[in-house]
N, C-alpha and C. Protein backbone atom coordinates (compact mmCIF):
# COMPACT_ATOMS: atom_id res chain seq x y z
N MET A 1 -10.69 -23.68 -28.47
CA MET A 1 -11.02 -23.20 -27.46
C MET A 1 -9.62 -22.13 -27.04
N ALA A 2 -9.92 -21.11 -26.45
CA ALA A 2 -9.02 -20.26 -25.71
C ALA A 2 -7.98 -21.29 -24.90
N GLU A 3 -6.78 -20.65 -24.91
CA GLU A 3 -5.56 -21.20 -24.13
C GLU A 3 -5.64 -19.78 -23.12
N HIS A 4 -5.74 -20.18 -21.47
CA HIS A 4 -5.51 -19.41 -20.55
C HIS A 4 -4.35 -19.48 -20.06
N GLU A 5 -4.01 -18.57 -19.74
CA GLU A 5 -2.81 -18.25 -18.59
C GLU A 5 -3.20 -17.23 -17.30
N ILE A 6 -2.68 -17.87 -16.35
CA ILE A 6 -2.97 -17.18 -15.01
C ILE A 6 -1.43 -16.80 -14.12
N GLU A 7 -1.19 -15.82 -14.00
CA GLU A 7 0.40 -15.37 -13.22
C GLU A 7 -0.27 -14.66 -11.70
N LEU A 8 0.26 -15.68 -10.89
CA LEU A 8 -0.11 -15.12 -9.54
C LEU A 8 0.88 -14.49 -8.65
N THR A 9 0.57 -13.46 -8.14
CA THR A 9 1.45 -12.79 -7.30
C THR A 9 1.23 -12.50 -5.87
N ILE A 10 1.88 -13.13 -5.22
CA ILE A 10 1.69 -13.14 -3.39
C ILE A 10 2.33 -12.68 -2.59
N PRO A 11 1.96 -11.68 -2.09
CA PRO A 11 2.64 -10.84 -0.84
C PRO A 11 3.40 -11.52 -0.07
N SER A 12 4.49 -11.31 0.37
CA SER A 12 5.21 -12.10 1.05
C SER A 12 4.73 -12.07 2.71
N LYS A 13 3.80 -11.17 2.96
CA LYS A 13 3.45 -10.70 4.17
C LYS A 13 1.75 -10.81 4.11
N PRO A 14 1.05 -11.23 5.27
CA PRO A 14 -0.27 -11.26 5.46
C PRO A 14 -0.74 -10.01 4.89
N LEU A 15 -1.97 -10.20 3.74
CA LEU A 15 -2.63 -9.01 3.51
C LEU A 15 -2.65 -8.11 4.32
N MET A 16 -2.47 -7.17 4.24
CA MET A 16 -2.91 -5.54 5.29
C MET A 16 -2.93 -4.79 4.08
N ASN A 17 -1.70 -4.00 3.64
CA ASN A 17 -1.82 -3.10 2.59
C ASN A 17 -1.38 -3.29 1.33
N VAL A 18 -1.28 -4.71 1.13
CA VAL A 18 -0.74 -5.38 -0.55
C VAL A 18 -1.84 -6.15 -0.79
N ASP A 19 -2.04 -6.21 -1.87
CA ASP A 19 -3.09 -7.21 -2.61
C ASP A 19 -2.26 -8.38 -3.21
N ALA A 20 -3.16 -9.47 -3.09
CA ALA A 20 -2.37 -10.77 -4.05
C ALA A 20 -3.15 -10.04 -5.36
N THR A 21 -2.42 -10.68 -6.31
CA THR A 21 -2.74 -10.29 -7.76
C THR A 21 -2.80 -11.40 -9.03
N LEU A 22 -3.93 -11.64 -9.57
CA LEU A 22 -3.94 -12.65 -10.77
C LEU A 22 -3.68 -11.74 -11.85
N VAL A 23 -2.83 -12.15 -12.95
CA VAL A 23 -2.89 -11.61 -14.18
C VAL A 23 -3.73 -12.57 -15.09
N VAL A 24 -4.89 -12.64 -15.87
CA VAL A 24 -5.32 -12.87 -16.60
C VAL A 24 -5.39 -12.95 -18.22
N ARG A 25 -4.95 -13.97 -18.90
CA ARG A 25 -4.78 -13.80 -20.23
C ARG A 25 -5.37 -15.01 -20.90
N SER A 26 -5.63 -14.62 -22.09
CA SER A 26 -6.72 -15.30 -23.28
C SER A 26 -5.59 -15.48 -24.34
N ASP A 27 -5.08 -16.46 -24.79
CA ASP A 27 -4.67 -16.71 -26.24
C ASP A 27 -3.53 -15.35 -26.38
N GLY A 28 -2.85 -15.32 -25.39
CA GLY A 28 -1.44 -14.43 -24.88
C GLY A 28 -2.10 -13.12 -24.77
N LYS A 29 -3.36 -12.71 -25.04
CA LYS A 29 -3.82 -11.20 -24.84
C LYS A 29 -4.31 -11.06 -23.27
N LYS A 30 -3.92 -9.91 -22.60
CA LYS A 30 -4.09 -9.68 -21.19
C LYS A 30 -5.85 -9.38 -21.30
N LEU A 31 -6.84 -10.13 -20.45
CA LEU A 31 -7.78 -9.72 -20.16
C LEU A 31 -8.24 -8.96 -19.11
N GLY A 32 -7.15 -8.97 -18.12
CA GLY A 32 -7.10 -8.09 -16.74
C GLY A 32 -6.62 -8.31 -15.66
N GLU A 33 -6.54 -7.70 -14.67
CA GLU A 33 -6.23 -8.25 -13.34
C GLU A 33 -7.19 -8.36 -12.20
N LEU A 34 -6.79 -9.27 -11.71
CA LEU A 34 -7.87 -9.69 -10.37
C LEU A 34 -7.07 -9.46 -9.11
N HIS A 35 -7.58 -8.27 -8.29
CA HIS A 35 -6.78 -7.83 -6.93
C HIS A 35 -7.59 -8.38 -6.14
N ILE A 36 -6.91 -9.09 -5.01
CA ILE A 36 -7.71 -9.64 -3.63
C ILE A 36 -6.88 -9.02 -2.47
N SER A 37 -7.99 -8.66 -1.81
CA SER A 37 -7.36 -7.96 -0.59
C SER A 37 -8.43 -8.33 0.44
N LYS A 38 -8.03 -8.08 1.80
CA LYS A 38 -8.75 -7.94 3.03
C LYS A 38 -10.11 -7.78 2.90
N GLY A 39 -10.28 -6.73 2.33
CA GLY A 39 -11.55 -6.22 2.27
C GLY A 39 -12.53 -6.23 0.96
N THR A 40 -11.81 -6.19 -0.24
CA THR A 40 -12.54 -6.24 -1.41
C THR A 40 -11.71 -7.40 -2.41
N VAL A 41 -12.38 -7.63 -3.44
CA VAL A 41 -11.93 -8.36 -4.64
C VAL A 41 -12.02 -7.27 -6.08
N ASP A 42 -11.22 -6.75 -6.43
CA ASP A 42 -11.39 -5.80 -7.74
C ASP A 42 -10.93 -6.45 -8.57
N TRP A 43 -11.46 -5.93 -10.19
CA TRP A 43 -10.98 -6.39 -11.23
C TRP A 43 -10.95 -5.36 -12.07
N LYS A 44 -9.96 -5.31 -12.92
CA LYS A 44 -9.29 -3.99 -13.85
C LYS A 44 -9.03 -4.79 -15.05
N PRO A 45 -9.76 -4.37 -16.15
CA PRO A 45 -9.97 -4.88 -17.24
C PRO A 45 -8.52 -4.40 -17.99
N ALA A 46 -8.10 -4.94 -18.57
CA ALA A 46 -6.93 -4.57 -19.48
C ALA A 46 -7.04 -3.03 -20.16
N GLY A 47 -6.04 -2.37 -20.14
CA GLY A 47 -6.13 -1.09 -20.67
C GLY A 47 -6.66 -0.22 -20.14
N LYS A 48 -7.26 -0.57 -18.75
CA LYS A 48 -8.35 0.51 -18.06
C LYS A 48 -7.43 0.92 -16.72
N LYS A 49 -7.57 2.00 -16.33
CA LYS A 49 -6.76 2.68 -15.16
C LYS A 49 -7.72 2.47 -13.84
N THR A 50 -8.97 2.12 -14.15
CA THR A 50 -9.83 1.82 -13.04
C THR A 50 -10.49 0.83 -12.75
N ALA A 51 -10.56 0.35 -11.67
CA ALA A 51 -10.85 -1.33 -11.48
C ALA A 51 -12.21 -1.09 -10.75
N ALA A 52 -13.26 -2.02 -11.12
CA ALA A 52 -14.36 -2.31 -10.31
C ALA A 52 -14.02 -3.10 -9.17
N TYR A 53 -14.83 -2.74 -7.94
CA TYR A 53 -14.49 -3.61 -6.77
C TYR A 53 -15.97 -4.23 -6.29
N ILE A 54 -15.79 -5.17 -5.31
CA ILE A 54 -16.96 -5.64 -4.73
C ILE A 54 -16.50 -6.08 -3.46
N ASN A 55 -17.14 -5.93 -2.25
CA ASN A 55 -16.57 -6.89 -1.10
C ASN A 55 -17.32 -8.03 -0.72
N TRP A 56 -16.77 -9.00 -0.01
CA TRP A 56 -16.51 -10.12 0.24
C TRP A 56 -18.06 -10.75 0.28
N GLU A 57 -18.57 -10.29 0.80
CA GLU A 57 -20.25 -10.64 1.07
C GLU A 57 -20.90 -10.55 -0.35
N ASP A 58 -20.97 -9.34 -0.93
CA ASP A 58 -21.53 -9.39 -1.97
C ASP A 58 -20.88 -10.29 -3.08
N PHE A 59 -20.01 -10.15 -3.23
CA PHE A 59 -19.01 -11.29 -4.05
C PHE A 59 -19.38 -12.64 -3.70
N SER A 60 -19.79 -13.40 -2.72
CA SER A 60 -20.26 -14.30 -2.59
C SER A 60 -21.45 -14.55 -2.73
N SER A 61 -22.07 -13.32 -2.67
CA SER A 61 -23.76 -13.40 -2.94
C SER A 61 -23.99 -13.53 -4.51
N MET A 62 -23.10 -12.70 -5.39
CA MET A 62 -22.87 -12.76 -6.71
C MET A 62 -22.61 -14.41 -7.26
N LEU A 63 -21.82 -15.03 -6.65
CA LEU A 63 -21.34 -16.05 -7.41
C LEU A 63 -22.32 -17.43 -6.74
N ASN A 64 -22.97 -17.13 -5.69
CA ASN A 64 -23.57 -18.47 -5.30
C ASN A 64 -24.96 -18.35 -6.11
N LYS A 65 -25.37 -17.26 -6.59
CA LYS A 65 -26.77 -17.15 -7.37
C LYS A 65 -26.28 -17.31 -8.63
N GLU A 66 -25.15 -17.23 -9.00
CA GLU A 66 -24.60 -17.66 -10.42
C GLU A 66 -24.36 -19.28 -10.51
N TRP A 67 -23.97 -19.73 -9.32
CA TRP A 67 -24.01 -20.96 -9.06
C TRP A 67 -25.30 -21.91 -9.06
N ALA A 68 -26.25 -21.11 -8.29
CA ALA A 68 -27.56 -21.69 -8.31
C ALA A 68 -28.40 -21.77 -9.98
N ARG A 69 -28.04 -20.55 -10.77
CA ARG A 69 -28.64 -20.52 -11.86
C ARG A 69 -28.03 -21.94 -12.79
N GLN A 70 -26.61 -21.97 -12.61
CA GLN A 70 -26.16 -22.92 -13.30
C GLN A 70 -26.37 -24.18 -13.16
N TYR A 71 -26.88 -24.48 -11.65
CA TYR A 71 -26.68 -26.02 -11.35
C TYR A 71 -27.88 -26.58 -10.75
N THR A 72 -28.91 -25.89 -10.58
CA THR A 72 -30.52 -25.86 -10.42
C THR A 72 -31.41 -25.61 -10.99
N ALA A 73 -32.64 -26.91 -11.30
CA ALA A 73 -33.28 -26.45 -12.25
C ALA A 73 -34.32 -25.93 -11.81
C-alpha cells in the first residue's frame, strides 16, 4: 500500500486573498496541490501550471454523489 504524506500551509489571517494549501505525496512522489479558498477548491496536478477549480456548492454535490455511490445499495 502506498504511503501518503500531506503538508498543510495555513495563512496566518482569515482566508481572503491567500489560500490554504495541501501538498499531497504518495511514496514520496508529489501527486499535486489542493488549494482551499473562500470561493473555490482548486486541484493542481504535479508538474502542471494550471489548476482545475470547483466552487463549494459543486464540490459538495460531487462528493455527496460519490458518498451515495459508495455507501448506498
